[in-house]
Amino acid sequence: ILEFTKALQAHGIKTFAVTEVTDIPVIK
């Protein structure tokens, strides 16, 4: 999740989506 999100951030993506609340503190 962290590596994937960083790759998308590098291409200018500004909105992300997850399904589980347990992912919130990780990606935050």
mmCIF file of all heavy atoms, coordinates in Angstrom:
data_MODEL
# 
_entry.id   MODEL 
# 
loop_
_atom_site.group_PDB 
_atom_site.id 
_atom_site.type_symbol 
_atom_site.label_atom_id 
_atom_site.label_alt_id 
_atom_site.label_comp_id 
_atom_site.label_asym_id 
_atom_site.label_entity_id 
_atom_site.label_seq_id 
_atom_site.pdbx_PDB_ins_code 
_atom_site.Cartn_x 
_atom_site.Cartn_y 
_atom_site.Cartn_z 
_atom_site.occupancy 
_atom_site.B_iso_or_equiv 
_atom_site.pdbx_formal_charge 
_atom_site.auth_seq_id 
_atom_site.auth_comp_id 
_atom_site.auth_asym_id 
_atom_site.auth_atom_id 
_atom_site.pdbx_PDB_model_num 
ATOM 1   N N   . ILE A 1 1  ? 0.806   -1.220 0.000   1.00 0.00 ? 1  ILE A N   1 
ATOM 2   C CA  . ILE A 1 1  ? 0.000   0.000  0.000   1.00 0.00 ? 1  ILE A CA  1 
ATOM 3   C C   . ILE A 1 1  ? 0.841   1.272  0.000   1.00 0.00 ? 1  ILE A C   1 
ATOM 4   O O   . ILE A 1 1  ? 0.532   2.227  -0.714  1.00 0.00 ? 1  ILE A O   1 
ATOM 5   C CB  . ILE A 1 1  ? -0.998  0.002  1.179   1.00 0.00 ? 1  ILE A CB  1 
ATOM 6   C CG1 . ILE A 1 1  ? -1.964  1.198  1.068   1.00 0.00 ? 1  ILE A CG1 1 
ATOM 7   C CG2 . ILE A 1 1  ? -0.280  -0.008 2.527   1.00 0.00 ? 1  ILE A CG2 1 
ATOM 8   C CD1 . ILE A 1 1  ? -3.122  1.119  2.045   1.00 0.00 ? 1  ILE A CD1 1 
ATOM 9   N N   . LEU A 1 2  ? 1.934   1.308  0.762   1.00 0.00 ? 2  LEU A N   1 
ATOM 10  C CA  . LEU A 1 2  ? 2.741   2.523  0.813   1.00 0.00 ? 2  LEU A CA  1 
ATOM 11  C C   . LEU A 1 2  ? 3.516   2.735  -0.481  1.00 0.00 ? 2  LEU A C   1 
ATOM 12  O O   . LEU A 1 2  ? 3.528   3.836  -1.049  1.00 0.00 ? 2  LEU A O   1 
ATOM 13  C CB  . LEU A 1 2  ? 3.691   2.476  2.006   1.00 0.00 ? 2  LEU A CB  1 
ATOM 14  C CG  . LEU A 1 2  ? 3.030   2.508  3.385   1.00 0.00 ? 2  LEU A CG  1 
ATOM 15  C CD1 . LEU A 1 2  ? 4.086   2.474  4.488   1.00 0.00 ? 2  LEU A CD1 1 
ATOM 16  C CD2 . LEU A 1 2  ? 2.165   3.760  3.538   1.00 0.00 ? 2  LEU A CD2 1 
ATOM 17  N N   . GLU A 1 3  ? 4.166   1.684  -0.974  1.00 0.00 ? 3  GLU A N   1 
ATOM 18  C CA  . GLU A 1 3  ? 4.954   1.807  -2.196  1.00 0.00 ? 3  GLU A CA  1 
ATOM 19  C C   . GLU A 1 3  ? 4.065   2.149  -3.386  1.00 0.00 ? 3  GLU A C   1 
ATOM 20  O O   . GLU A 1 3  ? 4.400   2.996  -4.223  1.00 0.00 ? 3  GLU A O   1 
ATOM 21  C CB  . GLU A 1 3  ? 5.710   0.503  -2.472  1.00 0.00 ? 3  GLU A CB  1 
ATOM 22  C CG  . GLU A 1 3  ? 6.694   0.112  -1.386  1.00 0.00 ? 3  GLU A CG  1 
ATOM 23  C CD  . GLU A 1 3  ? 6.069   -0.803 -0.341  1.00 0.00 ? 3  GLU A CD  1 
ATOM 24  O OE1 . GLU A 1 3  ? 4.834   -0.769 -0.177  1.00 0.00 ? 3  GLU A OE1 1 
ATOM 25  O OE2 . GLU A 1 3  ? 6.815   -1.551 0.313   1.00 0.00 ? 3  GLU A OE2 1 
ATOM 26  N N   . PHE A 1 4  ? 2.910   1.496  -3.454  1.00 0.00 ? 4  PHE A N   1 
ATOM 27  C CA  . PHE A 1 4  ? 1.970   1.711  -4.550  1.00 0.00 ? 4  PHE A CA  1 
ATOM 28  C C   . PHE A 1 4  ? 1.435   3.143  -4.526  1.00 0.00 ? 4  PHE A C   1 
ATOM 29  O O   . PHE A 1 4  ? 1.373   3.822  -5.556  1.00 0.00 ? 4  PHE A O   1 
ATOM 30  C CB  . PHE A 1 4  ? 0.834   0.700  -4.420  1.00 0.00 ? 4  PHE A CB  1 
ATOM 31  C CG  . PHE A 1 4  ? -0.052  0.568  -5.632  1.00 0.00 ? 4  PHE A CG  1 
ATOM 32  C CD1 . PHE A 1 4  ? 0.476   0.462  -6.898  1.00 0.00 ? 4  PHE A CD1 1 
ATOM 33  C CD2 . PHE A 1 4  ? -1.432  0.513  -5.489  1.00 0.00 ? 4  PHE A CD2 1 
ATOM 34  C CE1 . PHE A 1 4  ? -0.346  0.311  -8.011  1.00 0.00 ? 4  PHE A CE1 1 
ATOM 35  C CE2 . PHE A 1 4  ? -2.266  0.373  -6.590  1.00 0.00 ? 4  PHE A CE2 1 
ATOM 36  C CZ  . PHE A 1 4  ? -1.724  0.267  -7.849  1.00 0.00 ? 4  PHE A CZ  1 
ATOM 37  N N   . THR A 1 5  ? 1.060   3.607  -3.330  1.00 0.00 ? 5  THR A N   1 
ATOM 38  C CA  . THR A 1 5  ? 0.532   4.965  -3.193  1.00 0.00 ? 5  THR A CA  1 
ATOM 39  C C   . THR A 1 5  ? 1.580   6.004  -3.591  1.00 0.00 ? 5  THR A C   1 
ATOM 40  O O   . THR A 1 5  ? 1.285   6.981  -4.280  1.00 0.00 ? 5  THR A O   1 
ATOM 41  C CB  . THR A 1 5  ? 0.064   5.218  -1.753  1.00 0.00 ? 5  THR A CB  1 
ATOM 42  O OG1 . THR A 1 5  ? -0.965  4.276  -1.424  1.00 0.00 ? 5  THR A OG1 1 
ATOM 43  C CG2 . THR A 1 5  ? -0.488  6.624  -1.586  1.00 0.00 ? 5  THR A CG2 1 
ATOM 44  N N   . LYS A 1 6  ? 2.823   5.795  -3.162  1.00 0.00 ? 6  LYS A N   1 
ATOM 45  C CA  . LYS A 1 6  ? 3.893   6.727  -3.517  1.00 0.00 ? 6  LYS A CA  1 
ATOM 46  C C   . LYS A 1 6  ? 4.081   6.797  -5.030  1.00 0.00 ? 6  LYS A C   1 
ATOM 47  O O   . LYS A 1 6  ? 4.326   7.873  -5.597  1.00 0.00 ? 6  LYS A O   1 
ATOM 48  C CB  . LYS A 1 6  ? 5.195   6.312  -2.842  1.00 0.00 ? 6  LYS A CB  1 
ATOM 49  C CG  . LYS A 1 6  ? 5.228   6.548  -1.341  1.00 0.00 ? 6  LYS A CG  1 
ATOM 50  C CD  . LYS A 1 6  ? 6.516   6.008  -0.739  1.00 0.00 ? 6  LYS A CD  1 
ATOM 51  C CE  . LYS A 1 6  ? 6.528   6.188  0.782   1.00 0.00 ? 6  LYS A CE  1 
ATOM 52  N NZ  . LYS A 1 6  ? 7.756   5.605  1.402   1.00 0.00 ? 6  LYS A NZ  1 
ATOM 53  N N   . ALA A 1 7  ? 3.986   5.659  -5.699  1.00 0.00 ? 7  ALA A N   1 
ATOM 54  C CA  . ALA A 1 7  ? 4.134   5.641  -7.158  1.00 0.00 ? 7  ALA A CA  1 
ATOM 55  C C   . ALA A 1 7  ? 3.023   6.456  -7.819  1.00 0.00 ? 7  ALA A C   1 
ATOM 56  O O   . ALA A 1 7  ? 3.269   7.196  -8.774  1.00 0.00 ? 7  ALA A O   1 
ATOM 57  C CB  . ALA A 1 7  ? 4.113   4.201  -7.665  1.00 0.00 ? 7  ALA A CB  1 
ATOM 58  N N   . LEU A 1 8  ? 1.802   6.343  -7.304  1.00 0.00 ? 8  LEU A N   1 
ATOM 59  C CA  . LEU A 1 8  ? 0.684   7.108  -7.863  1.00 0.00 ? 8  LEU A CA  1 
ATOM 60  C C   . LEU A 1 8  ? 0.813   8.595  -7.542  1.00 0.00 ? 8  LEU A C   1 
ATOM 61  O O   . LEU A 1 8  ? 0.494   9.455  -8.386  1.00 0.00 ? 8  LEU A O   1 
ATOM 62  C CB  . LEU A 1 8  ? -0.643  6.563  -7.328  1.00 0.00 ? 8  LEU A CB  1 
ATOM 63  C CG  . LEU A 1 8  ? -0.955  5.099  -7.658  1.00 0.00 ? 8  LEU A CG  1 
ATOM 64  C CD1 . LEU A 1 8  ? -2.300  4.693  -7.068  1.00 0.00 ? 8  LEU A CD1 1 
ATOM 65  C CD2 . LEU A 1 8  ? -0.937  4.854  -9.151  1.00 0.00 ? 8  LEU A CD2 1 
ATOM 66  N N   . GLN A 1 9  ? 1.281   8.916  -6.338  1.00 0.00 ? 9  GLN A N   1 
ATOM 67  C CA  . GLN A 1 9  ? 1.518   10.317 -5.979  1.00 0.00 ? 9  GLN A CA  1 
ATOM 68  C C   . GLN A 1 9  ? 2.492   10.977 -6.944  1.00 0.00 ? 9  GLN A C   1 
ATOM 69  O O   . GLN A 1 9  ? 2.324   12.136 -7.317  1.00 0.00 ? 9  GLN A O   1 
ATOM 70  C CB  . GLN A 1 9  ? 2.077   10.408 -4.553  1.00 0.00 ? 9  GLN A CB  1 
ATOM 71  C CG  . GLN A 1 9  ? 1.066   10.196 -3.449  1.00 0.00 ? 9  GLN A CG  1 
ATOM 72  C CD  . GLN A 1 9  ? 1.727   10.231 -2.086  1.00 0.00 ? 9  GLN A CD  1 
ATOM 73  O OE1 . GLN A 1 9  ? 2.757   9.579  -1.851  1.00 0.00 ? 9  GLN A OE1 1 
ATOM 74  N NE2 . GLN A 1 9  ? 1.146   10.975 -1.154  1.00 0.00 ? 9  GLN A NE2 1 
ATOM 75  N N   . ALA A 1 10 ? 3.516   10.231 -7.339  1.00 0.00 ? 10 ALA A N   1 
ATOM 76  C CA  . ALA A 1 10 ? 4.543   10.778 -8.226  1.00 0.00 ? 10 ALA A CA  1 
ATOM 77  C C   . ALA A 1 10 ? 3.978   11.161 -9.589  1.00 0.00 ? 10 ALA A C   1 
ATOM 78  O O   . ALA A 1 10 ? 4.580   11.958 -10.311 1.00 0.00 ? 10 ALA A O   1 
ATOM 79  C CB  . ALA A 1 10 ? 5.675   9.762  -8.405  1.00 0.00 ? 10 ALA A CB  1 
ATOM 80  N N   . HIS A 1 11 ? 2.810   10.621 -9.931  1.00 0.00 ? 11 HIS A N   1 
ATOM 81  C CA  . HIS A 1 11 ? 2.171   10.961 -11.210 1.00 0.00 ? 11 HIS A CA  1 
ATOM 82  C C   . HIS A 1 11 ? 1.034   11.954 -11.036 1.00 0.00 ? 11 HIS A C   1 
ATOM 83  O O   . HIS A 1 11 ? 0.225   12.146 -11.940 1.00 0.00 ? 11 HIS A O   1 
ATOM 84  C CB  . HIS A 1 11 ? 1.674   9.682  -11.878 1.00 0.00 ? 11 HIS A CB  1 
ATOM 85  C CG  . HIS A 1 11 ? 2.780   8.815  -12.414 1.00 0.00 ? 11 HIS A CG  1 
ATOM 86  N ND1 . HIS A 1 11 ? 3.204   8.844  -13.722 1.00 0.00 ? 11 HIS A ND1 1 
ATOM 87  C CD2 . HIS A 1 11 ? 3.573   7.910  -11.780 1.00 0.00 ? 11 HIS A CD2 1 
ATOM 88  C CE1 . HIS A 1 11 ? 4.195   7.984  -13.889 1.00 0.00 ? 11 HIS A CE1 1 
ATOM 89  N NE2 . HIS A 1 11 ? 4.438   7.405  -12.729 1.00 0.00 ? 11 HIS A NE2 1 
ATOM 90  N N   . GLY A 1 12 ? 0.964   12.569 -9.861  1.00 0.00 ? 12 GLY A N   1 
ATOM 91  C CA  . GLY A 1 12 ? 0.026   13.662 -9.650  1.00 0.00 ? 12 GLY A CA  1 
ATOM 92  C C   . GLY A 1 12 ? -1.355  13.276 -9.179  1.00 0.00 ? 12 GLY A C   1 
ATOM 93  O O   . GLY A 1 12 ? -2.247  14.135 -9.133  1.00 0.00 ? 12 GLY A O   1 
ATOM 94  N N   . ILE A 1 13 ? -1.574  12.025 -8.823  1.00 0.00 ? 13 ILE A N   1 
ATOM 95  C CA  . ILE A 1 13 ? -2.887  11.621 -8.330  1.00 0.00 ? 13 ILE A CA  1 
ATOM 96  C C   . ILE A 1 13 ? -3.097  12.200 -6.940  1.00 0.00 ? 13 ILE A C   1 
ATOM 97  O O   . ILE A 1 13 ? -2.223  12.084 -6.064  1.00 0.00 ? 13 ILE A O   1 
ATOM 98  C CB  . ILE A 1 13 ? -3.020  10.085 -8.338  1.00 0.00 ? 13 ILE A CB  1 
ATOM 99  C CG1 . ILE A 1 13 ? -3.052  9.594  -9.790  1.00 0.00 ? 13 ILE A CG1 1 
ATOM 100 C CG2 . ILE A 1 13 ? -4.263  9.625  -7.583  1.00 0.00 ? 13 ILE A CG2 1 
ATOM 101 C CD1 . ILE A 1 13 ? -3.110  8.094  -9.949  1.00 0.00 ? 13 ILE A CD1 1 
ATOM 102 N N   . LYS A 1 14 ? -4.263  12.824 -6.735  1.00 0.00 ? 14 LYS A N   1 
ATOM 103 C CA  . LYS A 1 14 ? -4.523  13.586 -5.510  1.00 0.00 ? 14 LYS A CA  1 
ATOM 104 C C   . LYS A 1 14 ? -5.592  12.978 -4.612  1.00 0.00 ? 14 LYS A C   1 
ATOM 105 O O   . LYS A 1 14 ? -5.791  13.446 -3.492  1.00 0.00 ? 14 LYS A O   1 
ATOM 106 C CB  . LYS A 1 14 ? -4.940  15.013 -5.872  1.00 0.00 ? 14 LYS A CB  1 
ATOM 107 C CG  . LYS A 1 14 ? -3.841  15.842 -6.525  1.00 0.00 ? 14 LYS A CG  1 
ATOM 108 C CD  . LYS A 1 14 ? -2.699  16.087 -5.562  1.00 0.00 ? 14 LYS A CD  1 
ATOM 109 C CE  . LYS A 1 14 ? -1.659  17.030 -6.153  1.00 0.00 ? 14 LYS A CE  1 
ATOM 110 N NZ  . LYS A 1 14 ? -0.515  17.232 -5.204  1.00 0.00 ? 14 LYS A NZ  1 
ATOM 111 N N   . THR A 1 15 ? -6.296  11.963 -5.107  1.00 0.00 ? 15 THR A N   1 
ATOM 112 C CA  . THR A 1 15 ? -7.325  11.313 -4.297  1.00 0.00 ? 15 THR A CA  1 
ATOM 113 C C   . THR A 1 15 ? -7.069  9.816  -4.279  1.00 0.00 ? 15 THR A C   1 
ATOM 114 O O   . THR A 1 15 ? -6.803  9.217  -5.337  1.00 0.00 ? 15 THR A O   1 
ATOM 115 C CB  . THR A 1 15 ? -8.735  11.579 -4.854  1.00 0.00 ? 15 THR A CB  1 
ATOM 116 O OG1 . THR A 1 15 ? -8.953  12.986 -4.924  1.00 0.00 ? 15 THR A OG1 1 
ATOM 117 C CG2 . THR A 1 15 ? -9.803  10.957 -3.966  1.00 0.00 ? 15 THR A CG2 1 
ATOM 118 N N   . PHE A 1 16 ? -7.140  9.231  -3.089  1.00 0.00 ? 16 PHE A N   1 
ATOM 119 C CA  . PHE A 1 16 ? -6.901  7.799  -2.939  1.00 0.00 ? 16 PHE A CA  1 
ATOM 120 C C   . PHE A 1 16 ? -8.089  7.151  -2.249  1.00 0.00 ? 16 PHE A C   1 
ATOM 121 O O   . PHE A 1 16 ? -8.883  7.825  -1.585  1.00 0.00 ? 16 PHE A O   1 
ATOM 122 C CB  . PHE A 1 16 ? -5.612  7.558  -2.156  1.00 0.00 ? 16 PHE A CB  1 
ATOM 123 C CG  . PHE A 1 16 ? -4.393  8.048  -2.884  1.00 0.00 ? 16 PHE A CG  1 
ATOM 124 C CD1 . PHE A 1 16 ? -3.917  9.343  -2.698  1.00 0.00 ? 16 PHE A CD1 1 
ATOM 125 C CD2 . PHE A 1 16 ? -3.746  7.230  -3.795  1.00 0.00 ? 16 PHE A CD2 1 
ATOM 126 C CE1 . PHE A 1 16 ? -2.822  9.810  -3.403  1.00 0.00 ? 16 PHE A CE1 1 
ATOM 127 C CE2 . PHE A 1 16 ? -2.647  7.688  -4.509  1.00 0.00 ? 16 PHE A CE2 1 
ATOM 128 C CZ  . PHE A 1 16 ? -2.183  8.981  -4.305  1.00 0.00 ? 16 PHE A CZ  1 
ATOM 129 N N   . ALA A 1 17 ? -8.213  5.849  -2.421  1.00 0.00 ? 17 ALA A N   1 
ATOM 130 C CA  . ALA A 1 17 ? -9.365  5.143  -1.865  1.00 0.00 ? 17 ALA A CA  1 
ATOM 131 C C   . ALA A 1 17 ? -8.953  3.794  -1.304  1.00 0.00 ? 17 ALA A C   1 
ATOM 132 O O   . ALA A 1 17 ? -8.171  3.065  -1.925  1.00 0.00 ? 17 ALA A O   1 
ATOM 133 C CB  . ALA A 1 17 ? -10.432 4.961  -2.942  1.00 0.00 ? 17 ALA A CB  1 
ATOM 134 N N   . VAL A 1 18 ? -9.474  3.489  -0.118  1.00 0.00 ? 18 VAL A N   1 
ATOM 135 C CA  . VAL A 1 18 ? -9.306  2.178  0.509   1.00 0.00 ? 18 VAL A CA  1 
ATOM 136 C C   . VAL A 1 18 ? -10.674 1.716  0.998   1.00 0.00 ? 18 VAL A C   1 
ATOM 137 O O   . VAL A 1 18 ? -11.631 2.491  1.039   1.00 0.00 ? 18 VAL A O   1 
ATOM 138 C CB  . VAL A 1 18 ? -8.310  2.228  1.695   1.00 0.00 ? 18 VAL A CB  1 
ATOM 139 C CG1 . VAL A 1 18 ? -6.918  2.599  1.220   1.00 0.00 ? 18 VAL A CG1 1 
ATOM 140 C CG2 . VAL A 1 18 ? -8.789  3.203  2.778   1.00 0.00 ? 18 VAL A CG2 1 
ATOM 141 N N   . THR A 1 19 ? -10.769 0.460  1.379   1.00 0.00 ? 19 THR A N   1 
ATOM 142 C CA  . THR A 1 19 ? -12.042 -0.044 1.887   1.00 0.00 ? 19 THR A CA  1 
ATOM 143 C C   . THR A 1 19 ? -12.041 -0.204 3.400   1.00 0.00 ? 19 THR A C   1 
ATOM 144 O O   . THR A 1 19 ? -13.077 -0.030 4.049   1.00 0.00 ? 19 THR A O   1 
ATOM 145 C CB  . THR A 1 19 ? -12.397 -1.400 1.255   1.00 0.00 ? 19 THR A CB  1 
ATOM 146 O OG1 . THR A 1 19 ? -11.313 -2.306 1.448   1.00 0.00 ? 19 THR A OG1 1 
ATOM 147 C CG2 . THR A 1 19 ? -12.678 -1.247 -0.220  1.00 0.00 ? 19 THR A CG2 1 
ATOM 148 N N   . GLU A 1 20 ? -10.896 -0.538 3.984   1.00 0.00 ? 20 GLU A N   1 
ATOM 149 C CA  . GLU A 1 20 ? -10.848 -0.858 5.408   1.00 0.00 ? 20 GLU A CA  1 
ATOM 150 C C   . GLU A 1 20 ? -10.306 0.307  6.236   1.00 0.00 ? 20 GLU A C   1 
ATOM 151 O O   . GLU A 1 20 ? -9.297  0.929  5.871   1.00 0.00 ? 20 GLU A O   1 
ATOM 152 C CB  . GLU A 1 20 ? -9.983  -2.106 5.649   1.00 0.00 ? 20 GLU A CB  1 
ATOM 153 C CG  . GLU A 1 20 ? -10.510 -3.343 4.942   1.00 0.00 ? 20 GLU A CG  1 
ATOM 154 C CD  . GLU A 1 20 ? -11.952 -3.646 5.304   1.00 0.00 ? 20 GLU A CD  1 
ATOM 155 O OE1 . GLU A 1 20 ? -12.299 -3.576 6.500   1.00 0.00 ? 20 GLU A OE1 1 
ATOM 156 O OE2 . GLU A 1 20 ? -12.750 -3.966 4.393   1.00 0.00 ? 20 GLU A OE2 1 
ATOM 157 N N   . VAL A 1 21 ? -10.956 0.569  7.365   1.00 0.00 ? 21 VAL A N   1 
ATOM 158 C CA  . VAL A 1 21 ? -10.496 1.662  8.232   1.00 0.00 ? 21 VAL A CA  1 
ATOM 159 C C   . VAL A 1 21 ? -9.124  1.369  8.820   1.00 0.00 ? 21 VAL A C   1 
ATOM 160 O O   . VAL A 1 21 ? -8.403  2.290  9.208   1.00 0.00 ? 21 VAL A O   1 
ATOM 161 C CB  . VAL A 1 21 ? -11.511 1.951  9.353   1.00 0.00 ? 21 VAL A CB  1 
ATOM 162 C CG1 . VAL A 1 21 ? -12.832 2.438  8.768   1.00 0.00 ? 21 VAL A CG1 1 
ATOM 163 C CG2 . VAL A 1 21 ? -11.736 0.736  10.241  1.00 0.00 ? 21 VAL A CG2 1 
ATOM 164 N N   . THR A 1 22 ? -8.735  0.097  8.879   1.00 0.00 ? 22 THR A N   1 
ATOM 165 C CA  . THR A 1 22 ? -7.407  -0.250 9.395   1.00 0.00 ? 22 THR A CA  1 
ATOM 166 C C   . THR A 1 22 ? -6.294  0.256  8.477   1.00 0.00 ? 22 THR A C   1 
ATOM 167 O O   . THR A 1 22 ? -5.142  0.368  8.901   1.00 0.00 ? 22 THR A O   1 
ATOM 168 C CB  . THR A 1 22 ? -7.270  -1.777 9.571   1.00 0.00 ? 22 THR A CB  1 
ATOM 169 O OG1 . THR A 1 22 ? -7.671  -2.427 8.351   1.00 0.00 ? 22 THR A OG1 1 
ATOM 170 C CG2 . THR A 1 22 ? -8.150  -2.272 10.711  1.00 0.00 ? 22 THR A CG2 1 
ATOM 171 N N   . ASP A 1 23 ? -6.634  0.565  7.221   1.00 0.00 ? 23 ASP A N   1 
ATOM 172 C CA  . ASP A 1 23 ? -5.637  1.119  6.295   1.00 0.00 ? 23 ASP A CA  1 
ATOM 173 C C   . ASP A 1 23 ? -5.394  2.603  6.524   1.00 0.00 ? 23 ASP A C   1 
ATOM 174 O O   . ASP A 1 23 ? -4.382  3.145  6.071   1.00 0.00 ? 23 ASP A O   1 
ATOM 175 C CB  . ASP A 1 23 ? -6.086  0.928  4.841   1.00 0.00 ? 23 ASP A CB  1 
ATOM 176 C CG  . ASP A 1 23 ? -5.932  -0.503 4.356   1.00 0.00 ? 23 ASP A CG  1 
ATOM 177 O OD1 . ASP A 1 23 ? -5.064  -1.204 4.883   1.00 0.00 ? 23 ASP A OD1 1 
ATOM 178 O OD2 . ASP A 1 23 ? -6.698  -0.906 3.453   1.00 0.00 ? 23 ASP A OD2 1 
ATOM 179 N N   . ILE A 1 24 ? -6.322  3.267  7.220   1.00 0.00 ? 24 ILE A N   1 
ATOM 180 C CA  . ILE A 1 24 ? -6.236  4.723  7.372   1.00 0.00 ? 24 ILE A CA  1 
ATOM 181 C C   . ILE A 1 24 ? -4.943  5.173  8.049   1.00 0.00 ? 24 ILE A C   1 
ATOM 182 O O   . ILE A 1 24 ? -4.218  6.004  7.485   1.00 0.00 ? 24 ILE A O   1 
ATOM 183 C CB  . ILE A 1 24 ? -7.469  5.274  8.115   1.00 0.00 ? 24 ILE A CB  1 
ATOM 184 C CG1 . ILE A 1 24 ? -8.718  5.071  7.265   1.00 0.00 ? 24 ILE A CG1 1 
ATOM 185 C CG2 . ILE A 1 24 ? -7.287  6.756  8.452   1.00 0.00 ? 24 ILE A CG2 1 
ATOM 186 C CD1 . ILE A 1 24 ? -10.017 5.430  7.965   1.00 0.00 ? 24 ILE A CD1 1 
ATOM 187 N N   . PRO A 1 25 ? -4.589  4.667  9.240   1.00 0.00 ? 25 PRO A N   1 
ATOM 188 C CA  . PRO A 1 25 ? -3.358  5.154  9.865   1.00 0.00 ? 25 PRO A CA  1 
ATOM 189 C C   . PRO A 1 25 ? -2.094  4.800  9.088   1.00 0.00 ? 25 PRO A C   1 
ATOM 190 O O   . PRO A 1 25 ? -1.094  5.515  9.167   1.00 0.00 ? 25 PRO A O   1 
ATOM 191 C CB  . PRO A 1 25 ? -3.368  4.458  11.237  1.00 0.00 ? 25 PRO A CB  1 
ATOM 192 C CG  . PRO A 1 25 ? -4.275  3.294  11.088  1.00 0.00 ? 25 PRO A CG  1 
ATOM 193 C CD  . PRO A 1 25 ? -5.305  3.703  10.089  1.00 0.00 ? 25 PRO A CD  1 
ATOM 194 N N   . VAL A 1 26 ? -2.152  3.721  8.308   1.00 0.00 ? 26 VAL A N   1 
ATOM 195 C CA  . VAL A 1 26 ? -0.986  3.317  7.516   1.00 0.00 ? 26 VAL A CA  1 
ATOM 196 C C   . VAL A 1 26 ? -0.743  4.299  6.384   1.00 0.00 ? 26 VAL A C   1 
ATOM 197 O O   . VAL A 1 26 ? 0.348   4.861  6.239   1.00 0.00 ? 26 VAL A O   1 
ATOM 198 C CB  . VAL A 1 26 ? -1.182  1.890  6.948   1.00 0.00 ? 26 VAL A CB  1 
ATOM 199 C CG1 . VAL A 1 26 ? 0.021   1.500  6.080   1.00 0.00 ? 26 VAL A CG1 1 
ATOM 200 C CG2 . VAL A 1 26 ? -1.368  0.886  8.083   1.00 0.00 ? 26 VAL A CG2 1 
ATOM 201 N N   . ILE A 1 27 ? -1.772  4.548  5.577   1.00 0.00 ? 27 ILE A N   1 
ATOM 202 C CA  . ILE A 1 27 ? -1.608  5.411  4.412   1.00 0.00 ? 27 ILE A CA  1 
ATOM 203 C C   . ILE A 1 27 ? -1.504  6.877  4.801   1.00 0.00 ? 27 ILE A C   1 
ATOM 204 O O   . ILE A 1 27 ? -0.869  7.675  4.103   1.00 0.00 ? 27 ILE A O   1 
ATOM 205 C CB  . ILE A 1 27 ? -2.760  5.181  3.410   1.00 0.00 ? 27 ILE A CB  1 
ATOM 206 C CG1 . ILE A 1 27 ? -2.428  5.837  2.065   1.00 0.00 ? 27 ILE A CG1 1 
ATOM 207 C CG2 . ILE A 1 27 ? -4.077  5.680  3.959   1.00 0.00 ? 27 ILE A CG2 1 
ATOM 208 C CD1 . ILE A 1 27 ? -3.432  5.518  0.977   1.00 0.00 ? 27 ILE A CD1 1 
ATOM 209 N N   . LYS A 1 28 ? -2.084  7.248  5.940   1.00 0.00 ? 28 LYS A N   1 
ATOM 210 C CA  . LYS A 1 28 ? -2.012  8.642  6.391   1.00 0.00 ? 28 LYS A CA  1 
ATOM 211 C C   . LYS A 1 28 ? -0.574  9.089  6.636   1.00 0.00 ? 28 LYS A C   1 
ATOM 212 O O   . LYS A 1 28 ? -0.270  10.283 6.624   1.00 0.00 ? 28 LYS A O   1 
ATOM 213 C CB  . LYS A 1 28 ? -2.842  8.826  7.661   1.00 0.00 ? 28 LYS A CB  1 
ATOM 214 C CG  . LYS A 1 28 ? -4.311  9.133  7.427   1.00 0.00 ? 28 LYS A CG  1 
ATOM 215 C CD  . LYS A 1 28 ? -4.483  10.555 6.904   1.00 0.00 ? 28 LYS A CD  1 
ATOM 216 C CE  . LYS A 1 28 ? -5.915  10.985 6.814   1.00 0.00 ? 28 LYS A CE  1 
ATOM 217 N NZ  . LYS A 1 28 ? -6.050  12.389 6.414   1.00 0.00 ? 28 LYS A NZ  1 
# 
